[in-house]
Structures are given as C-alpha cells and as structure tokens.
Amino acid sequence: MAFCIEVPGVTWETSAKGYMDVTLDDGQVVRKNYLRVAVPKASVKDDPGYVEVCTSDVPEHIYIDALQKGLQMQLNRGKALTSIKGTKTNASRAEAIKAVEVQLEAIYSGQLRVSAGARTAKEPAAVRTLAMQKARLLVRDALKRAGKKVTLYSAREITAAATIVLNGPKGAKLLADAAAELKARAEEESVIDVEMLQPDPEKVAASNAKRKRRPKDDGPKLTVEEMAGVQATSRSRPQPEARA
C-alpha cells in the first residue's frame, strides 16, 4: 500500500519530474509541470511516501519562496562552510563566500550530492532493478540491429549504456512497465504450495556452515622483551646492495 498523493495522467520524464498536457475551455493546450516531493513521515524502505505537485499552479510568490529555501539549503551546506566557526570577521565572511561559490558551481554542473530526503521519492529498488534489466535488453537489441556482436561488449559497457537509457526519455515508461509487472506478479496465485517442498539437509548444513565465523588466529603472543629482540634483529640485518 502506497501512502502518497498521485495525479492521474502525468507523464514522468524522470522519477521526480513530469508534465501533463491540459486542454483549456477555449481549446488551447498548455503543458503543466509536476514535481514528486518526498514525505519522509509517510515513507518506509522500498515504499516511499510522496505528493505530486503541479508547479505550474503554484502562485509565483510561493514558488519563489520554495525555490529560495531549497537553494539556500543546498548552497549553505558542505564541510568547507560548516567548518567556519567563531566570531564573524571579514576574513571568515570572505571564506564563506568562496565555499558557497564551490557549492554553486556544483549545482550548475549537476555534481551536487542530493540529500537522503530527496531520494525517498524515488521508485523502489525492485522496480528500478527490473527496469534496468529491460534497459539492458534494449541496449543488446540496439547492438544487434546495428550488426554488432553483443558478446564483444563487456557487461560494464552494456550497463553504462542501459543507465543512459533508463535516465533518458524512455526511462519513465520502463519504470512504469516494471512497476506494473511486479504488481501483476504479486497478485498472481502461486503455481504450487511451496510448503510441501522439503529443503535438502546437506544444502542446509552447508549453508549454516558458511554463516559461522571462523575464529581469528592472531598467532603466538610475544612478550615485550621478545618483541624488542625481533625489532633489534630486524634492524641489524644487512641491507641489499643497490643495483648499478
């Protein structure tokens, strides 16, 4: 059960950004933008809570306020800035501005690390895993269509290309298809009562044996006098001659 507020008809370009084309009474078609905003209090692992907000319908003064607060939070974090403590001086203020410039450059370049709260609005891990599998199949199919031999490409190369596909225009549909497929699987009746199956005792024993931690062998314990003798012997060893 998902604890969220969803808007039907939105086309999601990414897991957090989408749009919907709306026809007005005069027949004009306008595009409204949407953002998926996390609700941490309604989120648990693999089941994020969120609300889909139409930013096009948000009054300008509220939109500007929200954007300012978000950018303020992003610009004013980072070790370089939080390490500045004590009484404010001209030197510390200049140092703070330099630290913020670094954060601003990270924002412009897309290298700023997002907070955990922002990530809670992403799709469950199982959905993304299945969508990635579908993206890999698309990449392999594209190679075959281009007359390339798939076996000549490493798994890492195919995964990197699949990541580009998943983050591109087709990503939203792949994620939606994966979510629908997983939901259908969950609703299907099991083909057999698995309780009637008995695990292999040998396999169970082997599995349990792997879980047991082997005791660490720290080796023989040396006294302080013995350790001093070892160090003295090590220092007295002749050094190898340097090669010509």
C-alpha atoms as a PDB file:
ATOM      1  CA  MET A   1       0.000   0.000   0.000  1.00  0.00           C
ATOM      2  CA  ALA A   2       1.464   3.318  -1.128  1.00  0.00           C
ATOM      3  CA  PHE A   3       0.980   6.369   1.083  1.00  0.00           C
ATOM      4  CA  CYS A   4       1.043   9.135  -1.493  1.00  0.00           C
ATOM      5  CA  ILE A   5      -0.977  11.712  -3.407  1.00  0.00           C
ATOM      6  CA  GLU A   6      -0.853  10.958  -7.124  1.00  0.00           C
ATOM      7  CA  VAL A   7      -2.212  12.851 -10.126  1.00  0.00           C
ATOM      8  CA  PRO A   8      -3.518  10.644 -12.965  1.00  0.00           C
ATOM      9  CA  GLY A   9      -2.377  11.470 -16.470  1.00  0.00           C
ATOM     10  CA  VAL A  10       1.109  12.761 -15.646  1.00  0.00           C
ATOM     11  CA  THR A  11       3.918  11.695 -17.971  1.00  0.00           C
ATOM     12  CA  TRP A  12       7.012  11.227 -15.824  1.00  0.00           C
ATOM     13  CA  GLU A  13      10.235  12.120 -17.629  1.00  0.00           C
ATOM     14  CA  THR A  14      12.236  11.030 -14.582  1.00  0.00           C
ATOM     15  CA  SER A  15      11.301   9.536 -11.217  1.00  0.00           C
ATOM     16  CA  ALA A  16      10.695  13.042  -9.807  1.00  0.00           C
ATOM     17  CA  LYS A  17       9.852  15.321 -12.764  1.00  0.00           C
ATOM     18  CA  GLY A  18       6.937  15.105 -15.168  1.00  0.00           C
ATOM     19  CA  TYR A  19       4.330  17.012 -17.155  1.00  0.00           C
ATOM     20  CA  MET A  20       0.738  16.834 -18.351  1.00  0.00           C
ATOM     21  CA  ASP A  21      -0.826  18.481 -21.397  1.00  0.00           C
ATOM     22  CA  VAL A  22      -4.137  20.078 -20.418  1.00  0.00           C
ATOM     23  CA  THR A  23      -6.803  21.340 -22.833  1.00  0.00           C
ATOM     24  CA  LEU A  24      -8.450  24.544 -21.616  1.00  0.00           C
ATOM     25  CA  ASP A  25     -12.055  25.571 -22.215  1.00  0.00           C
ATOM     26  CA  ASP A  26     -11.050  27.651 -25.242  1.00  0.00           C
ATOM     27  CA  GLY A  27      -9.342  24.630 -26.806  1.00  0.00           C
ATOM     28  CA  GLN A  28      -5.821  25.822 -26.088  1.00  0.00           C
ATOM     29  CA  VAL A  29      -3.402  23.113 -24.949  1.00  0.00           C
ATOM     30  CA  VAL A  30      -0.988  24.038 -22.186  1.00  0.00           C
ATOM     31  CA  ARG A  31       1.710  21.949 -20.604  1.00  0.00           C
ATOM     32  CA  LYS A  32       1.749  21.821 -16.803  1.00  0.00           C
ATOM     33  CA  ASN A  33       4.874  20.764 -14.954  1.00  0.00           C
ATOM     34  CA  TYR A  34       4.885  18.409 -11.973  1.00  0.00           C
ATOM     35  CA  LEU A  35       7.371  17.520  -9.246  1.00  0.00           C
ATOM     36  CA  ARG A  36       7.236  14.489  -6.983  1.00  0.00           C
ATOM     37  CA  VAL A  37       8.034  15.707  -3.460  1.00  0.00           C
ATOM     38  CA  ALA A  38       9.031  13.280  -0.714  1.00  0.00           C
ATOM     39  CA  VAL A  39       7.045  12.921   2.507  1.00  0.00           C
ATOM     40  CA  PRO A  40       9.567  11.378   4.940  1.00  0.00           C
ATOM     41  CA  LYS A  41       6.944  10.786   7.660  1.00  0.00           C
ATOM     42  CA  ALA A  42       4.970   8.611   5.221  1.00  0.00           C
ATOM     43  CA  SER A  43       7.985   6.760   3.835  1.00  0.00           C
ATOM     44  CA  VAL A  44       9.445   3.386   4.692  1.00  0.00           C
ATOM     45  CA  LYS A  45      12.117   1.299   2.983  1.00  0.00           C
ATOM     46  CA  ASP A  46      11.163   0.401  -0.621  1.00  0.00           C
ATOM     47  CA  ASP A  47       7.810   2.200  -0.207  1.00  0.00           C
ATOM     48  CA  PRO A  48       8.345   5.974  -0.360  1.00  0.00           C
ATOM     49  CA  GLY A  49       5.623   8.427   0.523  1.00  0.00           C
ATOM     50  CA  TYR A  50       5.279  11.446  -1.747  1.00  0.00           C
ATOM     51  CA  VAL A  51       2.941  14.046  -3.218  1.00  0.00           C
ATOM     52  CA  GLU A  52       2.833  15.037  -6.894  1.00  0.00           C
ATOM     53  CA  VAL A  53       2.767  18.843  -7.039  1.00  0.00           C
ATOM     54  CA  CYS A  54       1.770  20.843 -10.117  1.00  0.00           C
ATOM     55  CA  THR A  55       4.366  23.601 -10.007  1.00  0.00           C
ATOM     56  CA  SER A  56       2.553  25.418 -12.819  1.00  0.00           C
ATOM     57  CA  ASP A  57      -0.401  26.000 -10.466  1.00  0.00           C
ATOM     58  CA  VAL A  58       1.699  27.217  -7.523  1.00  0.00           C
ATOM     59  CA  PRO A  59       1.400  31.017  -7.046  1.00  0.00           C
ATOM     60  CA  GLU A  60       4.580  32.812  -8.039  1.00  0.00           C
ATOM     61  CA  HIS A  61       5.423  34.193  -4.581  1.00  0.00           C
ATOM     62  CA  ILE A  62       5.113  30.713  -3.017  1.00  0.00           C
ATOM     63  CA  TYR A  63       7.099  29.119  -5.842  1.00  0.00           C
ATOM     64  CA  ILE A  64       9.905  31.678  -5.427  1.00  0.00           C
ATOM     65  CA  ASP A  65       9.909  31.162  -1.653  1.00  0.00           C
ATOM     66  CA  ALA A  66      10.165  27.376  -2.036  1.00  0.00           C
ATOM     67  CA  LEU A  67      12.937  27.692  -4.623  1.00  0.00           C
ATOM     68  CA  GLN A  68      14.869  30.176  -2.473  1.00  0.00           C
ATOM     69  CA  LYS A  69      14.661  27.933   0.595  1.00  0.00           C
ATOM     70  CA  GLY A  70      15.764  24.890  -1.380  1.00  0.00           C
ATOM     71  CA  LEU A  71      18.729  26.684  -2.940  1.00  0.00           C
ATOM     72  CA  GLN A  72      19.641  28.229   0.408  1.00  0.00           C
ATOM     73  CA  MET A  73      19.797  24.766   1.945  1.00  0.00           C
ATOM     74  CA  GLN A  74      21.941  23.421  -0.906  1.00  0.00           C
ATOM     75  CA  LEU A  75      24.316  26.392  -1.030  1.00  0.00           C
ATOM     76  CA  ASN A  76      24.891  26.589   2.710  1.00  0.00           C
ATOM     77  CA  ARG A  77      25.975  23.023   3.331  1.00  0.00           C
ATOM     78  CA  GLY A  78      29.305  21.337   2.816  1.00  0.00           C
ATOM     79  CA  LYS A  79      32.345  20.806   5.036  1.00  0.00           C
ATOM     80  CA  ALA A  80      34.119  23.925   3.792  1.00  0.00           C
ATOM     81  CA  LEU A  81      31.255  26.089   5.012  1.00  0.00           C
ATOM     82  CA  THR A  82      30.233  24.266   8.195  1.00  0.00           C
ATOM     83  CA  SER A  83      33.868  24.257   9.385  1.00  0.00           C
ATOM     84  CA  ILE A  84      33.819  28.061   9.650  1.00  0.00           C
ATOM     85  CA  LYS A  85      33.112  28.778  13.305  1.00  0.00           C
ATOM     86  CA  GLY A  86      33.629  31.514  15.843  1.00  0.00           C
ATOM     87  CA  THR A  87      33.108  35.248  15.626  1.00  0.00           C
ATOM     88  CA  LYS A  88      32.406  36.590  12.163  1.00  0.00           C
ATOM     89  CA  THR A  89      35.258  38.573  10.659  1.00  0.00           C
ATOM     90  CA  ASN A  90      35.914  39.956   7.214  1.00  0.00           C
ATOM     91  CA  ALA A  91      38.232  37.021   6.578  1.00  0.00           C
ATOM     92  CA  SER A  92      35.659  34.402   7.689  1.00  0.00           C
ATOM     93  CA  ARG A  93      32.914  36.065   5.627  1.00  0.00           C
ATOM     94  CA  ALA A  94      35.135  36.017   2.538  1.00  0.00           C
ATOM     95  CA  GLU A  95      35.926  32.353   3.214  1.00  0.00           C
ATOM     96  CA  ALA A  96      32.194  31.605   3.427  1.00  0.00           C
ATOM     97  CA  ILE A  97      31.547  33.256   0.068  1.00  0.00           C
ATOM     98  CA  LYS A  98      34.308  31.160  -1.527  1.00  0.00           C
ATOM     99  CA  ALA A  99      32.763  27.990  -0.078  1.00  0.00           C
ATOM    100  CA  VAL A 100      29.344  28.936  -1.447  1.00  0.00           C
ATOM    101  CA  GLU A 101      30.883  29.581  -4.876  1.00  0.00           C
ATOM    102  CA  VAL A 102      32.094  25.973  -4.864  1.00  0.00           C
ATOM    103  CA  GLN A 103      28.583  24.766  -3.999  1.00  0.00           C
ATOM    104  CA  LEU A 104      27.079  26.946  -6.726  1.00  0.00           C
ATOM    105  CA  GLU A 105      29.456  25.518  -9.314  1.00  0.00           C
ATOM    106  CA  ALA A 106      28.475  22.005  -8.177  1.00  0.00           C
ATOM    107  CA  ILE A 107      24.816  22.909  -8.722  1.00  0.00           C
ATOM    108  CA  TYR A 108      25.443  24.285 -12.214  1.00  0.00           C
ATOM    109  CA  SER A 109      27.498  21.225 -13.192  1.00  0.00           C
ATOM    110  CA  GLY A 110      25.000  18.757 -11.699  1.00  0.00           C
ATOM    111  CA  GLN A 111      27.621  17.354  -9.322  1.00  0.00           C
ATOM    112  CA  LEU A 112      25.890  18.374  -6.095  1.00  0.00           C
ATOM    113  CA  ARG A 113      25.018  15.382  -3.918  1.00  0.00           C
ATOM    114  CA  VAL A 114      21.307  15.244  -3.179  1.00  0.00           C
ATOM    115  CA  SER A 115      20.081  14.699   0.353  1.00  0.00           C
ATOM    116  CA  ALA A 116      18.552  11.460   1.627  1.00  0.00           C
ATOM    117  CA  GLY A 117      15.184  13.182   1.888  1.00  0.00           C
ATOM    118  CA  ALA A 118      15.175  13.892  -1.824  1.00  0.00           C
ATOM    119  CA  ARG A 119      15.994  10.284  -2.639  1.00  0.00           C
ATOM    120  CA  THR A 120      12.995   8.903  -0.752  1.00  0.00           C
ATOM    121  CA  ALA A 121      10.730   9.882  -3.627  1.00  0.00           C
ATOM    122  CA  LYS A 122      12.494   7.523  -5.998  1.00  0.00           C
ATOM    123  CA  GLU A 123      10.988   4.278  -7.139  1.00  0.00           C
ATOM    124  CA  PRO A 124      11.503   1.116  -5.041  1.00  0.00           C
ATOM    125  CA  ALA A 125      14.743  -0.769  -5.606  1.00  0.00           C
ATOM    126  CA  ALA A 126      12.918  -3.796  -7.045  1.00  0.00           C
ATOM    127  CA  VAL A 127      11.237  -1.611  -9.681  1.00  0.00           C
ATOM    128  CA  ARG A 128      14.494   0.019 -10.734  1.00  0.00           C
ATOM    129  CA  THR A 129      16.282  -3.342 -10.860  1.00  0.00           C
ATOM    130  CA  LEU A 130      13.674  -4.790 -13.220  1.00  0.00           C
ATOM    131  CA  ALA A 131      13.647  -1.595 -15.297  1.00  0.00           C
ATOM    132  CA  MET A 132      17.437  -1.827 -15.595  1.00  0.00           C
ATOM    133  CA  GLN A 133      17.116  -5.391 -16.864  1.00  0.00           C
ATOM    134  CA  LYS A 134      14.698  -4.161 -19.515  1.00  0.00           C
ATOM    135  CA  ALA A 135      17.075  -1.337 -20.439  1.00  0.00           C
ATOM    136  CA  ARG A 136      19.936  -3.813 -20.874  1.00  0.00           C
ATOM    137  CA  LEU A 137      17.776  -5.860 -23.252  1.00  0.00           C
ATOM    138  CA  LEU A 138      17.095  -2.707 -25.277  1.00  0.00           C
ATOM    139  CA  VAL A 139      20.827  -1.986 -25.487  1.00  0.00           C
ATOM    140  CA  ARG A 140      21.581  -5.545 -26.638  1.00  0.00           C
ATOM    141  CA  ASP A 141      18.782  -5.292 -29.191  1.00  0.00           C
ATOM    142  CA  ALA A 142      20.205  -1.989 -30.457  1.00  0.00           C
ATOM    143  CA  LEU A 143      23.621  -3.612 -30.907  1.00  0.00           C
ATOM    144  CA  LYS A 144      22.109  -6.493 -32.851  1.00  0.00           C
ATOM    145  CA  ARG A 145      20.143  -4.118 -35.083  1.00  0.00           C
ATOM    146  CA  ALA A 146      23.370  -2.256 -35.815  1.00  0.00           C
ATOM    147  CA  GLY A 147      25.039  -5.517 -36.857  1.00  0.00           C
ATOM    148  CA  LYS A 148      27.298  -5.637 -33.798  1.00  0.00           C
ATOM    149  CA  LYS A 149      28.276  -8.798 -31.947  1.00  0.00           C
ATOM    150  CA  VAL A 150      26.912  -8.438 -28.402  1.00  0.00           C
ATOM    151  CA  THR A 151      29.478 -10.833 -26.927  1.00  0.00           C
ATOM    152  CA  LEU A 152      32.274  -8.384 -27.818  1.00  0.00           C
ATOM    153  CA  TYR A 153      30.922  -5.828 -25.332  1.00  0.00           C
ATOM    154  CA  SER A 154      31.545  -6.081 -21.599  1.00  0.00           C
ATOM    155  CA  ALA A 155      28.730  -6.182 -19.063  1.00  0.00           C
ATOM    156  CA  ARG A 156      30.016  -2.898 -17.665  1.00  0.00           C
ATOM    157  CA  GLU A 157      29.715  -1.212 -21.079  1.00  0.00           C
ATOM    158  CA  ILE A 158      26.174  -2.502 -21.581  1.00  0.00           C
ATOM    159  CA  THR A 159      25.168  -1.463 -18.052  1.00  0.00           C
ATOM    160  CA  ALA A 160      26.563   2.041 -18.601  1.00  0.00           C
ATOM    161  CA  ALA A 161      24.530   2.342 -21.806  1.00  0.00           C
ATOM    162  CA  ALA A 162      21.442   0.947 -20.046  1.00  0.00           C
ATOM    163  CA  THR A 163      21.815   3.596 -17.349  1.00  0.00           C
ATOM    164  CA  ILE A 164      21.733   6.287 -20.037  1.00  0.00           C
ATOM    165  CA  VAL A 165      18.572   4.723 -21.475  1.00  0.00           C
ATOM    166  CA  LEU A 166      16.937   4.499 -18.043  1.00  0.00           C
ATOM    167  CA  ASN A 167      17.701   8.150 -17.314  1.00  0.00           C
ATOM    168  CA  GLY A 168      16.535   9.246 -20.749  1.00  0.00           C
ATOM    169  CA  PRO A 169      13.103   9.773 -22.369  1.00  0.00           C
ATOM    170  CA  LYS A 170      12.294   6.044 -22.325  1.00  0.00           C
ATOM    171  CA  GLY A 171      13.118   5.719 -18.642  1.00  0.00           C
ATOM    172  CA  ALA A 172       9.679   6.704 -17.348  1.00  0.00           C
ATOM    173  CA  LYS A 173       7.960   4.017 -19.450  1.00  0.00           C
ATOM    174  CA  LEU A 174      10.498   1.373 -18.452  1.00  0.00           C
ATOM    175  CA  LEU A 175       9.940   2.164 -14.765  1.00  0.00           C
ATOM    176  CA  ALA A 176       6.153   2.179 -15.206  1.00  0.00           C
ATOM    177  CA  ASP A 177       6.241  -1.165 -17.048  1.00  0.00           C
ATOM    178  CA  ALA A 178       8.476  -2.648 -14.354  1.00  0.00           C
ATOM    179  CA  ALA A 179       6.178  -1.448 -11.564  1.00  0.00           C
ATOM    180  CA  ALA A 180       3.119  -2.872 -13.361  1.00  0.00           C
ATOM    181  CA  GLU A 181       4.877  -6.204 -13.953  1.00  0.00           C
ATOM    182  CA  LEU A 182       5.907  -6.535 -10.313  1.00  0.00           C
ATOM    183  CA  LYS A 183       2.397  -5.662  -9.180  1.00  0.00           C
ATOM    184  CA  ALA A 184       0.933  -8.308 -11.508  1.00  0.00           C
ATOM    185  CA  ARG A 185       3.391 -10.884 -10.175  1.00  0.00           C
ATOM    186  CA  ALA A 186       2.389 -10.125  -6.603  1.00  0.00           C
ATOM    187  CA  GLU A 187      -1.291 -10.559  -7.428  1.00  0.00           C
ATOM    188  CA  GLU A 188      -0.804 -13.880  -9.223  1.00  0.00           C
ATOM    189  CA  GLU A 189      -1.606 -17.056  -7.353  1.00  0.00           C
ATOM    190  CA  SER A 190       1.352 -19.293  -6.646  1.00  0.00           C
ATOM    191  CA  VAL A 191       1.676 -22.208  -9.076  1.00  0.00           C
ATOM    192  CA  ILE A 192       2.344 -24.565  -6.169  1.00  0.00           C
ATOM    193  CA  ASP A 193       2.193 -24.702  -2.390  1.00  0.00           C
ATOM    194  CA  VAL A 194       5.890 -24.346  -1.556  1.00  0.00           C
ATOM    195  CA  GLU A 195       5.300 -25.612   1.977  1.00  0.00           C
ATOM    196  CA  MET A 196       5.076 -29.124   0.550  1.00  0.00           C
ATOM    197  CA  LEU A 197       8.701 -28.912  -0.609  1.00  0.00           C
ATOM    198  CA  GLN A 198      11.426 -30.082   1.762  1.00  0.00           C
ATOM    199  CA  PRO A 199      14.908 -28.479   1.740  1.00  0.00           C
ATOM    200  CA  ASP A 200      17.924 -30.718   1.172  1.00  0.00           C
ATOM    201  CA  PRO A 201      19.554 -31.410   4.604  1.00  0.00           C
ATOM    202  CA  GLU A 202      23.042 -31.360   3.086  1.00  0.00           C
ATOM    203  CA  LYS A 203      22.460 -27.970   1.485  1.00  0.00           C
ATOM    204  CA  VAL A 204      21.038 -26.620   4.745  1.00  0.00           C
ATOM    205  CA  ALA A 205      24.079 -27.852   6.652  1.00  0.00           C
ATOM    206  CA  ALA A 206      26.435 -26.321   4.078  1.00  0.00           C
ATOM    207  CA  SER A 207      24.602 -23.009   4.261  1.00  0.00           C
ATOM    208  CA  ASN A 208      24.755 -22.946   8.050  1.00  0.00           C
ATOM    209  CA  ALA A 209      28.449 -23.802   7.966  1.00  0.00           C
ATOM    210  CA  LYS A 210      29.166 -20.791   5.755  1.00  0.00           C
ATOM    211  CA  ARG A 211      27.426 -18.484   8.183  1.00  0.00           C
ATOM    212  CA  LYS A 212      29.606 -19.497  11.083  1.00  0.00           C
ATOM    213  CA  ARG A 213      32.543 -17.188  11.541  1.00  0.00           C
ATOM    214  CA  ARG A 214      35.906 -18.817  11.722  1.00  0.00           C
ATOM    215  CA  PRO A 215      37.899 -17.915  14.867  1.00  0.00           C
ATOM    216  CA  LYS A 216      40.657 -15.456  14.132  1.00  0.00           C
ATOM    217  CA  ASP A 217      44.183 -16.790  14.530  1.00  0.00           C
ATOM    218  CA  ASP A 218      46.215 -13.909  15.885  1.00  0.00           C
ATOM    219  CA  GLY A 219      49.335 -16.084  16.019  1.00  0.00           C
ATOM    220  CA  PRO A 220      51.645 -16.611  19.000  1.00  0.00           C
ATOM    221  CA  LYS A 221      51.731 -13.824  21.548  1.00  0.00           C
ATOM    222  CA  LEU A 222      55.149 -12.213  22.125  1.00  0.00           C
ATOM    223  CA  THR A 223      56.292 -10.606  25.328  1.00  0.00           C
ATOM    224  CA  VAL A 224      57.685  -7.082  25.365  1.00  0.00           C
ATOM    225  CA  GLU A 225      61.248  -8.480  25.658  1.00  0.00           C
ATOM    226  CA  GLU A 226      60.695 -10.890  22.742  1.00  0.00           C
ATOM    227  CA  MET A 227      59.235  -8.106  20.588  1.00  0.00           C
ATOM    228  CA  ALA A 228      62.265  -5.906  21.339  1.00  0.00           C
ATOM    229  CA  GLY A 229      64.534  -8.766  20.266  1.00  0.00           C
ATOM    230  CA  VAL A 230      62.678  -9.163  16.966  1.00  0.00           C
ATOM    231  CA  GLN A 231      62.956  -5.438  16.239  1.00  0.00           C
ATOM    232  CA  ALA A 232      66.678  -5.430  17.088  1.00  0.00           C
ATOM    233  CA  THR A 233      67.286  -8.388  14.782  1.00  0.00           C
ATOM    234  CA  SER A 234      65.369  -6.671  12.007  1.00  0.00           C
ATOM    235  CA  ARG A 235      67.474  -3.509  12.323  1.00  0.00           C
ATOM    236  CA  SER A 236      70.729  -5.483  12.338  1.00  0.00           C
ATOM    237  CA  ARG A 237      70.039  -7.299   9.066  1.00  0.00           C
ATOM    238  CA  PRO A 238      72.385  -6.320   6.200  1.00  0.00           C
ATOM    239  CA  GLN A 239      70.749  -4.156   3.583  1.00  0.00           C
ATOM    240  CA  PRO A 240      70.761  -5.339  -0.061  1.00  0.00           C
ATOM    241  CA  GLU A 241      73.263  -3.643  -2.324  1.00  0.00           C
ATOM    242  CA  ALA A 242      71.925  -1.050  -4.692  1.00  0.00           C
ATOM    243  CA  ARG A 243      71.710  -2.120  -8.305  1.00  0.00           C
ATOM    244  CA  ALA A 244      74.009  -0.447 -10.759  1.00  0.00           C
END
